[in-house]
Amino acid sequence: MTTLEQYQIDGIAEIVKADLDQRFAGEFEFKFIVSDPVPSVYGDEYIPIIVLVVNGNGEILDPNWLNGVGRRVRPNLHKLGVSASPSFRYVDESEWFDPNYFGDGEE
């Protein structure tokens, strides 16, 4: 399994932020949590990237546009030496620390 260097983690966040800012600049602020690549069921690796949506109305995020982020950023990820595909989860920051978000917390 691949381990990312800090410059790659920072670079991934910068590349994804630049892509999101092209579409949503001024409407949202984003924070990123980038994990080391993990194996997929298909035998390759993917990079889990959690995008925390801060200071914006997450209901106006366009899912059709968001689906293309991975495709748009991959050429720049390759320049960083990252070959794993990104996999995104968009979470409102107010829900991120909710213990029930992933179903792990007490009811």
PDB file of N, CA and C in Angstrom:
ATOM      1  N   MET A   1       0.846  -1.177   0.000  1.00  0.00           N
ATOM      2  CA  MET A   1       0.000   0.000   0.000  1.00  0.00           C
ATOM      3  C   MET A   1       0.896   1.246   0.000  1.00  0.00           C
ATOM      4  N   THR A   2       0.476   2.250  -0.705  1.00  0.00           N
ATOM      5  CA  THR A   2       1.231   3.485  -0.865  1.00  0.00           C
ATOM      6  C   THR A   2       1.036   4.403   0.339  1.00  0.00           C
ATOM      7  N   THR A   3       2.097   5.084   0.723  1.00  0.00           N
ATOM      8  CA  THR A   3       2.012   6.120   1.750  1.00  0.00           C
ATOM      9  C   THR A   3       2.348   7.448   1.090  1.00  0.00           C
ATOM     10  N   LEU A   4       1.517   8.433   1.323  1.00  0.00           N
ATOM     11  CA  LEU A   4       1.739   9.757   0.742  1.00  0.00           C
ATOM     12  C   LEU A   4       2.711  10.562   1.592  1.00  0.00           C
ATOM     13  N   GLU A   5       3.526  11.352   0.934  1.00  0.00           N
ATOM     14  CA  GLU A   5       4.393  12.309   1.616  1.00  0.00           C
ATOM     15  C   GLU A   5       3.564  13.554   1.942  1.00  0.00           C
ATOM     16  N   GLN A   6       4.018  14.335   2.919  1.00  0.00           N
ATOM     17  CA  GLN A   6       3.263  15.531   3.319  1.00  0.00           C
ATOM     18  C   GLN A   6       3.084  16.505   2.155  1.00  0.00           C
ATOM     19  N   TYR A   7       4.111  16.663   1.317  1.00  0.00           N
ATOM     20  CA  TYR A   7       3.969  17.584   0.185  1.00  0.00           C
ATOM     21  C   TYR A   7       2.886  17.098  -0.783  1.00  0.00           C
ATOM     22  N   GLN A   8       2.704  15.771  -0.882  1.00  0.00           N
ATOM     23  CA  GLN A   8       1.649  15.247  -1.749  1.00  0.00           C
ATOM     24  C   GLN A   8       0.272  15.495  -1.139  1.00  0.00           C
ATOM     25  N   ILE A   9       0.150  15.286   0.163  1.00  0.00           N
ATOM     26  CA  ILE A   9      -1.123  15.543   0.845  1.00  0.00           C
ATOM     27  C   ILE A   9      -1.502  17.011   0.689  1.00  0.00           C
ATOM     28  N   ASP A  10      -0.544  17.901   0.938  1.00  0.00           N
ATOM     29  CA  ASP A  10      -0.802  19.336   0.786  1.00  0.00           C
ATOM     30  C   ASP A  10      -1.138  19.675  -0.662  1.00  0.00           C
ATOM     31  N   GLY A  11      -0.406  19.080  -1.592  1.00  0.00           N
ATOM     32  CA  GLY A  11      -0.649  19.331  -3.015  1.00  0.00           C
ATOM     33  C   GLY A  11      -2.015  18.860  -3.464  1.00  0.00           C
ATOM     34  N   ILE A  12      -2.439  17.697  -2.982  1.00  0.00           N
ATOM     35  CA  ILE A  12      -3.771  17.187  -3.331  1.00  0.00           C
ATOM     36  C   ILE A  12      -4.833  18.170  -2.868  1.00  0.00           C
ATOM     37  N   ALA A  13      -4.723  18.630  -1.617  1.00  0.00           N
ATOM     38  CA  ALA A  13      -5.701  19.587  -1.085  1.00  0.00           C
ATOM     39  C   ALA A  13      -5.707  20.871  -1.914  1.00  0.00           C
ATOM     40  N   GLU A  14      -4.536  21.361  -2.296  1.00  0.00           N
ATOM     41  CA  GLU A  14      -4.458  22.595  -3.095  1.00  0.00           C
ATOM     42  C   GLU A  14      -5.083  22.409  -4.476  1.00  0.00           C
ATOM     43  N   ILE A  15      -4.813  21.276  -5.101  1.00  0.00           N
ATOM     44  CA  ILE A  15      -5.354  21.003  -6.442  1.00  0.00           C
ATOM     45  C   ILE A  15      -6.873  20.905  -6.403  1.00  0.00           C
ATOM     46  N   VAL A  16      -7.394  20.174  -5.427  1.00  0.00           N
ATOM     47  CA  VAL A  16      -8.851  20.019  -5.318  1.00  0.00           C
ATOM     48  C   VAL A  16      -9.491  21.357  -4.970  1.00  0.00           C
ATOM     49  N   LYS A  17      -8.870  22.107  -4.063  1.00  0.00           N
ATOM     50  CA  LYS A  17      -9.409  23.422  -3.696  1.00  0.00           C
ATOM     51  C   LYS A  17      -9.484  24.333  -4.909  1.00  0.00           C
ATOM     52  N   ALA A  18      -8.435  24.342  -5.734  1.00  0.00           N
ATOM     53  CA  ALA A  18      -8.433  25.193  -6.926  1.00  0.00           C
ATOM     54  C   ALA A  18      -9.580  24.818  -7.860  1.00  0.00           C
ATOM     55  N   ASP A  19      -9.835  23.526  -8.013  1.00  0.00           N
ATOM     56  CA  ASP A  19     -10.927  23.097  -8.880  1.00  0.00           C
ATOM     57  C   ASP A  19     -12.283  23.516  -8.307  1.00  0.00           C
ATOM     58  N   LEU A  20     -12.477  23.302  -7.017  1.00  0.00           N
ATOM     59  CA  LEU A  20     -13.746  23.683  -6.389  1.00  0.00           C
ATOM     60  C   LEU A  20     -13.942  25.196  -6.399  1.00  0.00           C
ATOM     61  N   ASP A  21     -12.860  25.940  -6.182  1.00  0.00           N
ATOM     62  CA  ASP A  21     -12.964  27.400  -6.172  1.00  0.00           C
ATOM     63  C   ASP A  21     -13.331  27.967  -7.540  1.00  0.00           C
ATOM     64  N   GLN A  22     -12.950  27.282  -8.621  1.00  0.00           N
ATOM     65  CA  GLN A  22     -13.345  27.746  -9.955  1.00  0.00           C
ATOM     66  C   GLN A  22     -14.857  27.794 -10.078  1.00  0.00           C
ATOM     67  N   ARG A  23     -15.535  26.870  -9.440  1.00  0.00           N
ATOM     68  CA  ARG A  23     -16.993  26.780  -9.563  1.00  0.00           C
ATOM     69  C   ARG A  23     -17.717  27.504  -8.426  1.00  0.00           C
ATOM     70  N   PHE A  24     -17.149  27.440  -7.220  1.00  0.00           N
ATOM     71  CA  PHE A  24     -17.879  27.902  -6.037  1.00  0.00           C
ATOM     72  C   PHE A  24     -17.192  29.039  -5.286  1.00  0.00           C
ATOM     73  N   ALA A  25     -16.250  29.727  -5.899  1.00  0.00           N
ATOM     74  CA  ALA A  25     -15.524  30.805  -5.218  1.00  0.00           C
ATOM     75  C   ALA A  25     -16.502  31.830  -4.667  1.00  0.00           C
ATOM     76  N   GLY A  26     -16.303  32.191  -3.422  1.00  0.00           N
ATOM     77  CA  GLY A  26     -17.154  33.182  -2.789  1.00  0.00           C
ATOM     78  C   GLY A  26     -18.428  32.607  -2.190  1.00  0.00           C
ATOM     79  N   GLU A  27     -18.806  31.396  -2.606  1.00  0.00           N
ATOM     80  CA  GLU A  27     -20.023  30.778  -2.076  1.00  0.00           C
ATOM     81  C   GLU A  27     -19.727  29.836  -0.919  1.00  0.00           C
ATOM     82  N   PHE A  28     -18.530  29.251  -0.926  1.00  0.00           N
ATOM     83  CA  PHE A  28     -18.162  28.268   0.086  1.00  0.00           C
ATOM     84  C   PHE A  28     -16.715  28.447   0.490  1.00  0.00           C
ATOM     85  N   GLU A  29     -16.424  27.925   1.655  1.00  0.00           N
ATOM     86  CA  GLU A  29     -15.046  27.713   2.086  1.00  0.00           C
ATOM     87  C   GLU A  29     -14.928  26.209   2.290  1.00  0.00           C
ATOM     88  N   PHE A  30     -13.812  25.635   1.883  1.00  0.00           N
ATOM     89  CA  PHE A  30     -13.618  24.198   2.004  1.00  0.00           C
ATOM     90  C   PHE A  30     -12.388  23.906   2.845  1.00  0.00           C
ATOM     91  N   LYS A  31     -12.459  22.810   3.601  1.00  0.00           N
ATOM     92  CA  LYS A  31     -11.310  22.251   4.307  1.00  0.00           C
ATOM     93  C   LYS A  31     -11.187  20.807   3.837  1.00  0.00           C
ATOM     94  N   PHE A  32      -9.985  20.263   3.918  1.00  0.00           N
ATOM     95  CA  PHE A  32      -9.759  18.939   3.359  1.00  0.00           C
ATOM     96  C   PHE A  32      -9.086  18.013   4.358  1.00  0.00           C
ATOM     97  N   ILE A  33      -9.502  16.766   4.332  1.00  0.00           N
ATOM     98  CA  ILE A  33      -8.837  15.699   5.067  1.00  0.00           C
ATOM     99  C   ILE A  33      -8.459  14.659   4.020  1.00  0.00           C
ATOM    100  N   VAL A  34      -7.165  14.477   3.816  1.00  0.00           N
ATOM    101  CA  VAL A  34      -6.657  13.558   2.799  1.00  0.00           C
ATOM    102  C   VAL A  34      -5.998  12.384   3.513  1.00  0.00           C
ATOM    103  N   SER A  35      -6.413  11.165   3.177  1.00  0.00           N
ATOM    104  CA  SER A  35      -5.853   9.959   3.781  1.00  0.00           C
ATOM    105  C   SER A  35      -4.914   9.264   2.810  1.00  0.00           C
ATOM    106  N   ASP A  36      -4.087   8.385   3.339  1.00  0.00           N
ATOM    107  CA  ASP A  36      -3.250   7.560   2.470  1.00  0.00           C
ATOM    108  C   ASP A  36      -4.134   6.669   1.604  1.00  0.00           C
ATOM    109  N   PRO A  37      -3.656   6.307   0.422  1.00  0.00           N
ATOM    110  CA  PRO A  37      -4.437   5.432  -0.454  1.00  0.00           C
ATOM    111  C   PRO A  37      -4.776   4.106   0.227  1.00  0.00           C
ATOM    112  N   VAL A  38      -5.941   3.593  -0.111  1.00  0.00           N
ATOM    113  CA  VAL A  38      -6.394   2.292   0.391  1.00  0.00           C
ATOM    114  C   VAL A  38      -6.765   1.422  -0.808  1.00  0.00           C
ATOM    115  N   PRO A  39      -6.694   0.092  -0.647  1.00  0.00           N
ATOM    116  CA  PRO A  39      -7.019  -0.777  -1.775  1.00  0.00           C
ATOM    117  C   PRO A  39      -8.510  -0.755  -2.087  1.00  0.00           C
ATOM    118  N   SER A  40      -8.820  -0.818  -3.358  1.00  0.00           N
ATOM    119  CA  SER A  40     -10.218  -0.922  -3.776  1.00  0.00           C
ATOM    120  C   SER A  40     -10.547  -2.396  -4.003  1.00  0.00           C
ATOM    121  N   VAL A  41     -11.803  -2.692  -4.195  1.00  0.00           N
ATOM    122  CA  VAL A  41     -12.220  -4.069  -4.465  1.00  0.00           C
ATOM    123  C   VAL A  41     -11.723  -4.544  -5.823  1.00  0.00           C
ATOM    124  N   TYR A  42     -11.263  -3.620  -6.656  1.00  0.00           N
ATOM    125  CA  TYR A  42     -10.790  -3.958  -8.002  1.00  0.00           C
ATOM    126  C   TYR A  42      -9.281  -4.182  -8.057  1.00  0.00           C
ATOM    127  N   GLY A  43      -8.599  -4.060  -6.918  1.00  0.00           N
ATOM    128  CA  GLY A  43      -7.173  -4.314  -6.873  1.00  0.00           C
ATOM    129  C   GLY A  43      -6.288  -3.092  -7.023  1.00  0.00           C
ATOM    130  N   ASP A  44      -6.872  -1.947  -7.359  1.00  0.00           N
ATOM    131  CA  ASP A  44      -6.070  -0.728  -7.428  1.00  0.00           C
ATOM    132  C   ASP A  44      -6.247   0.044  -6.119  1.00  0.00           C
ATOM    133  N   GLU A  45      -5.744   1.248  -6.055  1.00  0.00           N
ATOM    134  CA  GLU A  45      -5.868   2.052  -4.843  1.00  0.00           C
ATOM    135  C   GLU A  45      -6.667   3.318  -5.121  1.00  0.00           C
ATOM    136  N   TYR A  46      -7.312   3.820  -4.079  1.00  0.00           N
ATOM    137  CA  TYR A  46      -7.977   5.117  -4.172  1.00  0.00           C
ATOM    138  C   TYR A  46      -7.615   5.933  -2.941  1.00  0.00           C
ATOM    139  N   ILE A  47      -7.729   7.244  -3.087  1.00  0.00           N
ATOM    140  CA  ILE A  47      -7.404   8.163  -1.998  1.00  0.00           C
ATOM    141  C   ILE A  47      -8.705   8.710  -1.420  1.00  0.00           C
ATOM    142  N   PRO A  48      -9.027   8.359  -0.168  1.00  0.00           N
ATOM    143  CA  PRO A  48     -10.202   8.961   0.458  1.00  0.00           C
ATOM    144  C   PRO A  48      -9.933  10.439   0.766  1.00  0.00           C
ATOM    145  N   ILE A  49     -10.786  11.296   0.261  1.00  0.00           N
ATOM    146  CA  ILE A  49     -10.664  12.731   0.512  1.00  0.00           C
ATOM    147  C   ILE A  49     -11.993  13.221   1.067  1.00  0.00           C
ATOM    148  N   ILE A  50     -11.950  13.727   2.281  1.00  0.00           N
ATOM    149  CA  ILE A  50     -13.148  14.300   2.879  1.00  0.00           C
ATOM    150  C   ILE A  50     -13.068  15.800   2.669  1.00  0.00           C
ATOM    151  N   VAL A  51     -14.100  16.346   2.061  1.00  0.00           N
ATOM    152  CA  VAL A  51     -14.186  17.780   1.816  1.00  0.00           C
ATOM    153  C   VAL A  51     -15.204  18.333   2.806  1.00  0.00           C
ATOM    154  N   LEU A  52     -14.716  19.108   3.763  1.00  0.00           N
ATOM    155  CA  LEU A  52     -15.612  19.746   4.721  1.00  0.00           C
ATOM    156  C   LEU A  52     -16.102  21.048   4.110  1.00  0.00           C
ATOM    157  N   VAL A  53     -17.407  21.178   4.032  1.00  0.00           N
ATOM    158  CA  VAL A  53     -18.027  22.374   3.470  1.00  0.00           C
ATOM    159  C   VAL A  53     -18.278  23.331   4.625  1.00  0.00           C
ATOM    160  N   VAL A  54     -17.617  24.483   4.568  1.00  0.00           N
ATOM    161  CA  VAL A  54     -17.664  25.459   5.646  1.00  0.00           C
ATOM    162  C   VAL A  54     -18.280  26.746   5.106  1.00  0.00           C
ATOM    163  N   ASN A  55     -19.051  27.415   5.931  1.00  0.00           N
ATOM    164  CA  ASN A  55     -19.566  28.743   5.579  1.00  0.00           C
ATOM    165  C   ASN A  55     -20.265  28.776   4.229  1.00  0.00           C
ATOM    166  N   GLY A  56     -21.164  27.866   4.015  1.00  0.00           N
ATOM    167  CA  GLY A  56     -21.927  27.868   2.770  1.00  0.00           C
ATOM    168  C   GLY A  56     -23.124  26.954   2.891  1.00  0.00           C
ATOM    169  N   ASN A  57     -24.040  27.101   1.979  1.00  0.00           N
ATOM    170  CA  ASN A  57     -25.242  26.282   1.963  1.00  0.00           C
ATOM    171  C   ASN A  57     -24.979  25.051   1.107  1.00  0.00           C
ATOM    172  N   GLY A  58     -24.705  23.927   1.749  1.00  0.00           N
ATOM    173  CA  GLY A  58     -24.385  22.699   1.045  1.00  0.00           C
ATOM    174  C   GLY A  58     -25.475  22.215   0.123  1.00  0.00           C
ATOM    175  N   GLU A  59     -26.689  22.699   0.315  1.00  0.00           N
ATOM    176  CA  GLU A  59     -27.795  22.265  -0.540  1.00  0.00           C
ATOM    177  C   GLU A  59     -27.658  22.780  -1.968  1.00  0.00           C
ATOM    178  N   ILE A  60     -26.825  23.805  -2.185  1.00  0.00           N
ATOM    179  CA  ILE A  60     -26.695  24.312  -3.553  1.00  0.00           C
ATOM    180  C   ILE A  60     -25.486  23.726  -4.286  1.00  0.00           C
ATOM    181  N   LEU A  61     -24.774  22.798  -3.630  1.00  0.00           N
ATOM    182  CA  LEU A  61     -23.692  22.110  -4.339  1.00  0.00           C
ATOM    183  C   LEU A  61     -24.313  21.281  -5.457  1.00  0.00           C
ATOM    184  N   ASP A  62     -23.763  21.378  -6.633  1.00  0.00           N
ATOM    185  CA  ASP A  62     -24.293  20.690  -7.811  1.00  0.00           C
ATOM    186  C   ASP A  62     -23.670  19.298  -7.916  1.00  0.00           C
ATOM    187  N   PRO A  63     -24.431  18.237  -7.606  1.00  0.00           N
ATOM    188  CA  PRO A  63     -23.861  16.886  -7.626  1.00  0.00           C
ATOM    189  C   PRO A  63     -23.322  16.479  -8.994  1.00  0.00           C
ATOM    190  N   ASN A  64     -23.952  16.913 -10.060  1.00  0.00           N
ATOM    191  CA  ASN A  64     -23.463  16.558 -11.396  1.00  0.00           C
ATOM    192  C   ASN A  64     -22.082  17.150 -11.644  1.00  0.00           C
ATOM    193  N   TRP A  65     -21.869  18.379 -11.213  1.00  0.00           N
ATOM    194  CA  TRP A  65     -20.567  19.010 -11.387  1.00  0.00           C
ATOM    195  C   TRP A  65     -19.538  18.362 -10.461  1.00  0.00           C
ATOM    196  N   LEU A  66     -19.941  18.079  -9.213  1.00  0.00           N
ATOM    197  CA  LEU A  66     -19.021  17.480  -8.249  1.00  0.00           C
ATOM    198  C   LEU A  66     -18.535  16.108  -8.703  1.00  0.00           C
ATOM    199  N   ASN A  67     -19.358  15.371  -9.430  1.00  0.00           N
ATOM    200  CA  ASN A  67     -18.953  14.050  -9.913  1.00  0.00           C
ATOM    201  C   ASN A  67     -17.748  14.121 -10.836  1.00  0.00           C
ATOM    202  N   GLY A  68     -17.495  15.248 -11.461  1.00  0.00           N
ATOM    203  CA  GLY A  68     -16.375  15.382 -12.380  1.00  0.00           C
ATOM    204  C   GLY A  68     -15.084  15.875 -11.758  1.00  0.00           C
ATOM    205  N   VAL A  69     -15.095  16.183 -10.462  1.00  0.00           N
ATOM    206  CA  VAL A  69     -13.894  16.729  -9.826  1.00  0.00           C
ATOM    207  C   VAL A  69     -12.725  15.754  -9.957  1.00  0.00           C
ATOM    208  N   GLY A  70     -12.945  14.500  -9.660  1.00  0.00           N
ATOM    209  CA  GLY A  70     -11.868  13.513  -9.728  1.00  0.00           C
ATOM    210  C   GLY A  70     -11.230  13.439 -11.102  1.00  0.00           C
ATOM    211  N   ARG A  71     -12.053  13.440 -12.127  1.00  0.00           N
ATOM    212  CA  ARG A  71     -11.555  13.383 -13.510  1.00  0.00           C
ATOM    213  C   ARG A  71     -10.744  14.635 -13.847  1.00  0.00           C
ATOM    214  N   ARG A  72     -11.208  15.792 -13.371  1.00  0.00           N
ATOM    215  CA  ARG A  72     -10.515  17.041 -13.695  1.00  0.00           C
ATOM    216  C   ARG A  72      -9.170  17.168 -12.978  1.00  0.00           C
ATOM    217  N   VAL A  73      -9.068  16.650 -11.760  1.00  0.00           N
ATOM    218  CA  VAL A  73      -7.838  16.852 -10.984  1.00  0.00           C
ATOM    219  C   VAL A  73      -6.782  15.770 -11.212  1.00  0.00           C
ATOM    220  N   ARG A  74      -7.154  14.641 -11.776  1.00  0.00           N
ATOM    221  CA  ARG A  74      -6.192  13.531 -11.916  1.00  0.00           C
ATOM    222  C   ARG A  74      -4.921  13.905 -12.667  1.00  0.00           C
ATOM    223  N   PRO A  75      -4.970  14.660 -13.769  1.00  0.00           N
ATOM    224  CA  PRO A  75      -3.702  15.004 -14.435  1.00  0.00           C
ATOM    225  C   PRO A  75      -2.733  15.747 -13.509  1.00  0.00           C
ATOM    226  N   ASN A  76      -3.261  16.622 -12.671  1.00  0.00           N
ATOM    227  CA  ASN A  76      -2.393  17.354 -11.738  1.00  0.00           C
ATOM    228  C   ASN A  76      -1.916  16.467 -10.589  1.00  0.00           C
ATOM    229  N   LEU A  77      -2.726  15.485 -10.199  1.00  0.00           N
ATOM    230  CA  LEU A  77      -2.279  14.546  -9.173  1.00  0.00           C
ATOM    231  C   LEU A  77      -1.113  13.714  -9.699  1.00  0.00           C
ATOM    232  N   HIS A  78      -1.189  13.328 -10.964  1.00  0.00           N
ATOM    233  CA  HIS A  78      -0.091  12.560 -11.566  1.00  0.00           C
ATOM    234  C   HIS A  78       1.215  13.351 -11.534  1.00  0.00           C
ATOM    235  N   LYS A  79       1.129  14.670 -11.700  1.00  0.00           N
ATOM    236  CA  LYS A  79       2.337  15.512 -11.639  1.00  0.00           C
ATOM    237  C   LYS A  79       2.983  15.469 -10.255  1.00  0.00           C
ATOM    238  N   LEU A  80       2.167  15.166  -9.225  1.00  0.00           N
ATOM    239  CA  LEU A  80       2.687  15.024  -7.860  1.00  0.00           C
ATOM    240  C   LEU A  80       3.214  13.616  -7.600  1.00  0.00           C
ATOM    241  N   GLY A  81       3.080  12.743  -8.589  1.00  0.00           N
ATOM    242  CA  GLY A  81       3.485  11.352  -8.396  1.00  0.00           C
ATOM    243  C   GLY A  81       2.418  10.515  -7.733  1.00  0.00           C
ATOM    244  N   VAL A  82       1.174  10.964  -7.790  1.00  0.00           N
ATOM    245  CA  VAL A  82       0.052  10.256  -7.178  1.00  0.00           C
ATOM    246  C   VAL A  82      -0.738   9.575  -8.286  1.00  0.00           C
ATOM    247  N   SER A  83      -0.754   8.248  -8.272  1.00  0.00           N
ATOM    248  CA  SER A  83      -1.462   7.518  -9.323  1.00  0.00           C
ATOM    249  C   SER A  83      -2.825   7.007  -8.871  1.00  0.00           C
ATOM    250  N   ALA A  84      -3.074   6.976  -7.571  1.00  0.00           N
ATOM    251  CA  ALA A  84      -4.357   6.490  -7.061  1.00  0.00           C
ATOM    252  C   ALA A  84      -5.469   7.477  -7.412  1.00  0.00           C
ATOM    253  N   SER A  85      -6.644   6.941  -7.648  1.00  0.00           N
ATOM    254  CA  SER A  85      -7.811   7.771  -7.963  1.00  0.00           C
ATOM    255  C   SER A  85      -8.361   8.407  -6.695  1.00  0.00           C
ATOM    256  N   PRO A  86      -8.792   9.660  -6.769  1.00  0.00           N
ATOM    257  CA  PRO A  86      -9.415  10.278  -5.597  1.00  0.00           C
ATOM    258  C   PRO A  86     -10.866   9.830  -5.450  1.00  0.00           C
ATOM    259  N   SER A  87     -11.295   9.705  -4.214  1.00  0.00           N
ATOM    260  CA  SER A  87     -12.690   9.394  -3.901  1.00  0.00           C
ATOM    261  C   SER A  87     -13.149  10.429  -2.880  1.00  0.00           C
ATOM    262  N   PHE A  88     -14.221  11.140  -3.206  1.00  0.00           N
ATOM    263  CA  PHE A  88     -14.632  12.284  -2.397  1.00  0.00           C
ATOM    264  C   PHE A  88     -15.878  11.999  -1.575  1.00  0.00           C
ATOM    265  N   ARG A  89     -15.888  12.576  -0.382  1.00  0.00           N
ATOM    266  CA  ARG A  89     -17.084  12.620   0.450  1.00  0.00           C
ATOM    267  C   ARG A  89     -17.213  14.071   0.893  1.00  0.00           C
ATOM    268  N   TYR A  90     -18.356  14.668   0.618  1.00  0.00           N
ATOM    269  CA  TYR A  90     -18.611  16.059   0.981  1.00  0.00           C
ATOM    270  C   TYR A  90     -19.458  16.067   2.242  1.00  0.00           C
ATOM    271  N   VAL A  91     -18.976  16.766   3.268  1.00  0.00           N
ATOM    272  CA  VAL A  91     -19.635  16.774   4.565  1.00  0.00           C
ATOM    273  C   VAL A  91     -19.729  18.209   5.057  1.00  0.00           C
ATOM    274  N   ASP A  92     -20.913  18.592   5.519  1.00  0.00           N
ATOM    275  CA  ASP A  92     -21.040  19.897   6.162  1.00  0.00           C
ATOM    276  C   ASP A  92     -20.216  19.859   7.442  1.00  0.00           C
ATOM    277  N   GLU A  93     -19.417  20.885   7.660  1.00  0.00           N
ATOM    278  CA  GLU A  93     -18.526  20.885   8.820  1.00  0.00           C
ATOM    279  C   GLU A  93     -19.294  20.705  10.125  1.00  0.00           C
ATOM    280  N   SER A  94     -20.512  21.205  10.199  1.00  0.00           N
ATOM    281  CA  SER A  94     -21.287  21.075  11.432  1.00  0.00           C
ATOM    282  C   SER A  94     -21.629  19.619  11.732  1.00  0.00           C
ATOM    283  N   GLU A  95     -21.627  18.756  10.721  1.00  0.00           N
ATOM    284  CA  GLU A  95     -21.934  17.337  10.918  1.00  0.00           C
ATOM    285  C   GLU A  95     -20.685  16.496  11.144  1.00  0.00           C
ATOM    286  N   TRP A  96     -19.518  17.050  10.834  1.00  0.00           N
ATOM    287  CA  TRP A  96     -18.306  16.246  10.866  1.00  0.00           C
ATOM    288  C   TRP A  96     -18.017  15.676  12.239  1.00  0.00           C
ATOM    289  N   PHE A  97     -18.215  16.439  13.288  1.00  0.00           N
ATOM    290  CA  PHE A  97     -17.904  15.954  14.625  1.00  0.00           C
ATOM    291  C   PHE A  97     -19.110  15.335  15.313  1.00  0.00           C
ATOM    292  N   ASP A  98     -20.182  15.132  14.568  1.00  0.00           N
ATOM    293  CA  ASP A  98     -21.365  14.457  15.083  1.00  0.00           C
ATOM    294  C   ASP A  98     -21.052  12.962  15.165  1.00  0.00           C
ATOM    295  N   PRO A  99     -21.074  12.358  16.373  1.00  0.00           N
ATOM    296  CA  PRO A  99     -20.715  10.941  16.494  1.00  0.00           C
ATOM    297  C   PRO A  99     -21.672  10.018  15.747  1.00  0.00           C
ATOM    298  N   ASN A 100     -22.854  10.508  15.400  1.00  0.00           N
ATOM    299  CA  ASN A 100     -23.815   9.686  14.669  1.00  0.00           C
ATOM    300  C   ASN A 100     -23.646   9.773  13.159  1.00  0.00           C
ATOM    301  N   TYR A 101     -22.716  10.600  12.677  1.00  0.00           N
ATOM    302  CA  TYR A 101     -22.585  10.801  11.231  1.00  0.00           C
ATOM    303  C   TYR A 101     -22.337   9.492  10.500  1.00  0.00           C
ATOM    304  N   PHE A 102     -21.475   8.656  11.047  1.00  0.00           N
ATOM    305  CA  PHE A 102     -21.175   7.381  10.412  1.00  0.00           C
ATOM    306  C   PHE A 102     -21.941   6.234  11.055  1.00  0.00           C
ATOM    307  N   GLY A 103     -22.886   6.565  11.919  1.00  0.00           N
ATOM    308  CA  GLY A 103     -23.669   5.521  12.561  1.00  0.00           C
ATOM    309  C   GLY A 103     -22.954   4.867  13.732  1.00  0.00           C
ATOM    310  N   ASP A 104     -21.887   5.482  14.236  1.00  0.00           N
ATOM    311  CA  ASP A 104     -21.106   4.893  15.317  1.00  0.00           C
ATOM    312  C   ASP A 104     -21.538   5.380  16.699  1.00  0.00           C
ATOM    313  N   GLY A 105     -22.279   6.462  16.746  1.00  0.00           N
ATOM    314  CA  GLY A 105     -22.613   7.070  18.028  1.00  0.00           C
ATOM    315  C   GLY A 105     -23.849   6.461  18.657  1.00  0.00           C
ATOM    316  N   GLU A 106     -24.074   6.854  19.871  1.00  0.00           N
ATOM    317  CA  GLU A 106     -25.257   6.405  20.599  1.00  0.00           C
ATOM    318  C   GLU A 106     -26.470   7.175  20.122  1.00  0.00           C
ATOM    319  N   GLU A 107     -27.579   6.539  20.107  1.00  0.00           N
ATOM    320  CA  GLU A 107     -28.839   7.196  19.714  1.00  0.00           C
ATOM    321  C   GLU A 107     -29.360   8.031  20.860  1.00  0.00           C
TER     322      GLU A 107
END
